[in-house]
Amino acid sequence: MPACQAGPVQGLITNIYLTRAEYDRFAPLPATELSKIRFSVPPLSIDVFDPPLHGLVLGEAEFTTDEEASSFLPPHAITAEVTDDARFTGGRLVRTRRHELLEWLAEYAITPASTPPD
């Protein structure tokens, strides 16, 4: 269900950046992968997802003060606030099929411009 809360929300962001050696150590383990490209456009990190989640672009903003957060004006291209929607977290997205993503986006009245087959 779409998030009802508007405006900035304080939350914990957990990212772990690996060295090449650390990545190589984990790579042989069985896992489901989530592939995306992250762009840094301060204060936003913008994730552009690869198939099967192609078309999904998420932005995440980080601020050092409450004042910065409350004065932030999102770019016009942002069409939905999904901060409180657990379906849009990495742990859930990694298990998401394309048809599920399209259903979720429809709840936000978002239809991707083109929908290539899975």
Foldseek 3Di string as FASTA:
>chain_A
DADDDDFDDDDDDDDDDDDPVRCVVCVVDDDQDWDWDWDDDPQWIWTQGDPPQHQDIDIDGDDPDPVCRRPDDDDPPDQGDRPPPVCPDPVNVSVDGSVVNQVVVVVSVDDRPDNDDD
